[in-house]
Amino acid sequence: MLENMGKTMDSACINGYKWSDDMVGVIIQIC
């Protein structure tokens, strides 16, 4: 799941993954 880890850790939406400031990828809806 976390393929783009370290890509953008600014709480941004990437390929349906929302990165928290805790460097944790959370699966979310498509932005």
PDB file of N, CA and C in Angstrom:
ATOM      1  N   MET A   1       0.820  -1.205   0.000  1.00  0.00           N
ATOM      2  CA  MET A   1       0.000   0.000   0.000  1.00  0.00           C
ATOM      3  C   MET A   1       0.862   1.266   0.000  1.00  0.00           C
ATOM      4  N   LEU A   2       1.788   1.313   0.962  1.00  0.00           N
ATOM      5  CA  LEU A   2       2.624   2.517   1.056  1.00  0.00           C
ATOM      6  C   LEU A   2       3.782   2.453   0.072  1.00  0.00           C
ATOM      7  N   GLU A   3       3.449   2.714  -1.184  1.00  0.00           N
ATOM      8  CA  GLU A   3       4.489   2.658  -2.208  1.00  0.00           C
ATOM      9  C   GLU A   3       5.206   3.992  -2.340  1.00  0.00           C
ATOM     10  N   ASN A   4       4.449   5.058  -2.145  1.00  0.00           N
ATOM     11  CA  ASN A   4       5.031   6.393  -2.303  1.00  0.00           C
ATOM     12  C   ASN A   4       5.424   6.985  -0.954  1.00  0.00           C
ATOM     13  N   MET A   5       5.949   6.143  -0.081  1.00  0.00           N
ATOM     14  CA  MET A   5       6.318   6.660   1.243  1.00  0.00           C
ATOM     15  C   MET A   5       7.460   7.651   1.120  1.00  0.00           C
ATOM     16  N   GLY A   6       7.335   8.763   1.817  1.00  0.00           N
ATOM     17  CA  GLY A   6       8.394   9.765   1.778  1.00  0.00           C
ATOM     18  C   GLY A   6       8.260  10.662   0.568  1.00  0.00           C
ATOM     19  N   LYS A   7       7.153  10.528  -0.138  1.00  0.00           N
ATOM     20  CA  LYS A   7       6.948  11.359  -1.326  1.00  0.00           C
ATOM     21  C   LYS A   7       6.518  12.761  -0.898  1.00  0.00           C
ATOM     22  N   THR A   8       5.409  12.815  -0.179  1.00  0.00           N
ATOM     23  CA  THR A   8       4.936  14.121   0.290  1.00  0.00           C
ATOM     24  C   THR A   8       4.310  13.973   1.658  1.00  0.00           C
ATOM     25  N   MET A   9       4.960  14.518   2.673  1.00  0.00           N
ATOM     26  CA  MET A   9       4.445  14.374   4.032  1.00  0.00           C
ATOM     27  C   MET A   9       3.834  15.682   4.515  1.00  0.00           C
ATOM     28  N   ASP A  10       3.081  16.307   3.649  1.00  0.00           N
ATOM     29  CA  ASP A  10       2.503  17.598   4.017  1.00  0.00           C
ATOM     30  C   ASP A  10       0.987  17.478   4.076  1.00  0.00           C
ATOM     31  N   SER A  11       0.519  16.334   4.571  1.00  0.00           N
ATOM     32  CA  SER A  11      -0.931  16.100   4.643  1.00  0.00           C
ATOM     33  C   SER A  11      -1.552  16.292   3.263  1.00  0.00           C
ATOM     34  N   ALA A  12      -0.822  15.879   2.245  1.00  0.00           N
ATOM     35  CA  ALA A  12      -1.320  16.041   0.887  1.00  0.00           C
ATOM     36  C   ALA A  12      -1.964  14.747   0.402  1.00  0.00           C
ATOM     37  N   CYS A  13      -2.770  14.875  -0.628  1.00  0.00           N
ATOM     38  CA  CYS A  13      -3.468  13.712  -1.170  1.00  0.00           C
ATOM     39  C   CYS A  13      -2.663  13.127  -2.324  1.00  0.00           C
ATOM     40  N   ILE A  14      -2.198  11.898  -2.169  1.00  0.00           N
ATOM     41  CA  ILE A  14      -1.388  11.300  -3.234  1.00  0.00           C
ATOM     42  C   ILE A  14      -1.885   9.901  -3.592  1.00  0.00           C
ATOM     43  N   ASN A  15      -2.413   9.776  -4.800  1.00  0.00           N
ATOM     44  CA  ASN A  15      -2.899   8.474  -5.261  1.00  0.00           C
ATOM     45  C   ASN A  15      -3.849   7.835  -4.262  1.00  0.00           C
ATOM     46  N   GLY A  16      -4.713   8.646  -3.654  1.00  0.00           N
ATOM     47  CA  GLY A  16      -5.686   8.101  -2.733  1.00  0.00           C
ATOM     48  C   GLY A  16      -5.111   7.855  -1.350  1.00  0.00           C
ATOM     49  N   TYR A  17      -3.933   8.393  -1.096  1.00  0.00           N
ATOM     50  CA  TYR A  17      -3.326   8.224   0.231  1.00  0.00           C
ATOM     51  C   TYR A  17      -3.096   9.582   0.877  1.00  0.00           C
ATOM     52  N   LYS A  18      -3.560   9.718   2.099  1.00  0.00           N
ATOM     53  CA  LYS A  18      -3.364  10.998   2.776  1.00  0.00           C
ATOM     54  C   LYS A  18      -2.255  10.829   3.808  1.00  0.00           C
ATOM     55  N   TRP A  19      -1.190  11.595   3.645  1.00  0.00           N
ATOM     56  CA  TRP A  19      -0.052  11.492   4.556  1.00  0.00           C
ATOM     57  C   TRP A  19      -0.195  12.430   5.742  1.00  0.00           C
ATOM     58  N   SER A  20      -0.135  11.840   6.927  1.00  0.00           N
ATOM     59  CA  SER A  20      -0.241  12.665   8.131  1.00  0.00           C
ATOM     60  C   SER A  20       1.150  13.151   8.510  1.00  0.00           C
ATOM     61  N   ASP A  21       1.215  14.079   9.452  1.00  0.00           N
ATOM     62  CA  ASP A  21       2.515  14.611   9.862  1.00  0.00           C
ATOM     63  C   ASP A  21       3.262  13.545  10.646  1.00  0.00           C
ATOM     64  N   ASP A  22       2.633  12.370  10.807  1.00  0.00           N
ATOM     65  CA  ASP A  22       3.272  11.285  11.557  1.00  0.00           C
ATOM     66  C   ASP A  22       3.861  10.282  10.574  1.00  0.00           C
ATOM     67  N   MET A  23       3.974  10.734   9.293  1.00  0.00           N
ATOM     68  CA  MET A  23       4.530   9.884   8.244  1.00  0.00           C
ATOM     69  C   MET A  23       3.739   8.595   8.094  1.00  0.00           C
ATOM     70  N   VAL A  24       2.425   8.689   8.324  1.00  0.00           N
ATOM     71  CA  VAL A  24       1.575   7.503   8.209  1.00  0.00           C
ATOM     72  C   VAL A  24       0.605   7.678   7.047  1.00  0.00           C
ATOM     73  N   GLY A  25       0.623   6.744   6.134  1.00  0.00           N
ATOM     74  CA  GLY A  25      -0.267   6.839   4.976  1.00  0.00           C
ATOM     75  C   GLY A  25      -1.632   6.271   5.301  1.00  0.00           C
ATOM     76  N   VAL A  26      -2.637   7.109   5.202  1.00  0.00           N
ATOM     77  CA  VAL A  26      -3.992   6.659   5.495  1.00  0.00           C
ATOM     78  C   VAL A  26      -4.807   6.605   4.210  1.00  0.00           C
ATOM     79  N   ILE A  27      -5.432   5.463   3.996  1.00  0.00           N
ATOM     80  CA  ILE A  27      -6.225   5.314   2.775  1.00  0.00           C
ATOM     81  C   ILE A  27      -7.469   6.189   2.846  1.00  0.00           C
ATOM     82  N   ILE A  28      -7.629   7.053   1.846  1.00  0.00           N
ATOM     83  CA  ILE A  28      -8.801   7.939   1.825  1.00  0.00           C
ATOM     84  C   ILE A  28      -9.435   7.908   0.446  1.00  0.00           C
ATOM     85  N   GLN A  29     -10.498   8.648   0.290  1.00  0.00           N
ATOM     86  CA  GLN A  29     -11.167   8.684  -0.999  1.00  0.00           C
ATOM     87  C   GLN A  29     -10.327   9.442  -2.015  1.00  0.00           C
ATOM     88  N   ILE A  30     -10.611   9.202  -3.284  1.00  0.00           N
ATOM     89  CA  ILE A  30      -9.859   9.891  -4.339  1.00  0.00           C
ATOM     90  C   ILE A  30     -10.143  11.382  -4.297  1.00  0.00           C
ATOM     91  N   CYS A  31      -9.100  12.179  -4.227  1.00  0.00           N
ATOM     92  CA  CYS A  31      -9.285  13.635  -4.159  1.00  0.00           C
ATOM     93  C   CYS A  31      -9.580  14.159  -5.551  1.00  0.00           C
TER      94      CYS A  31
END
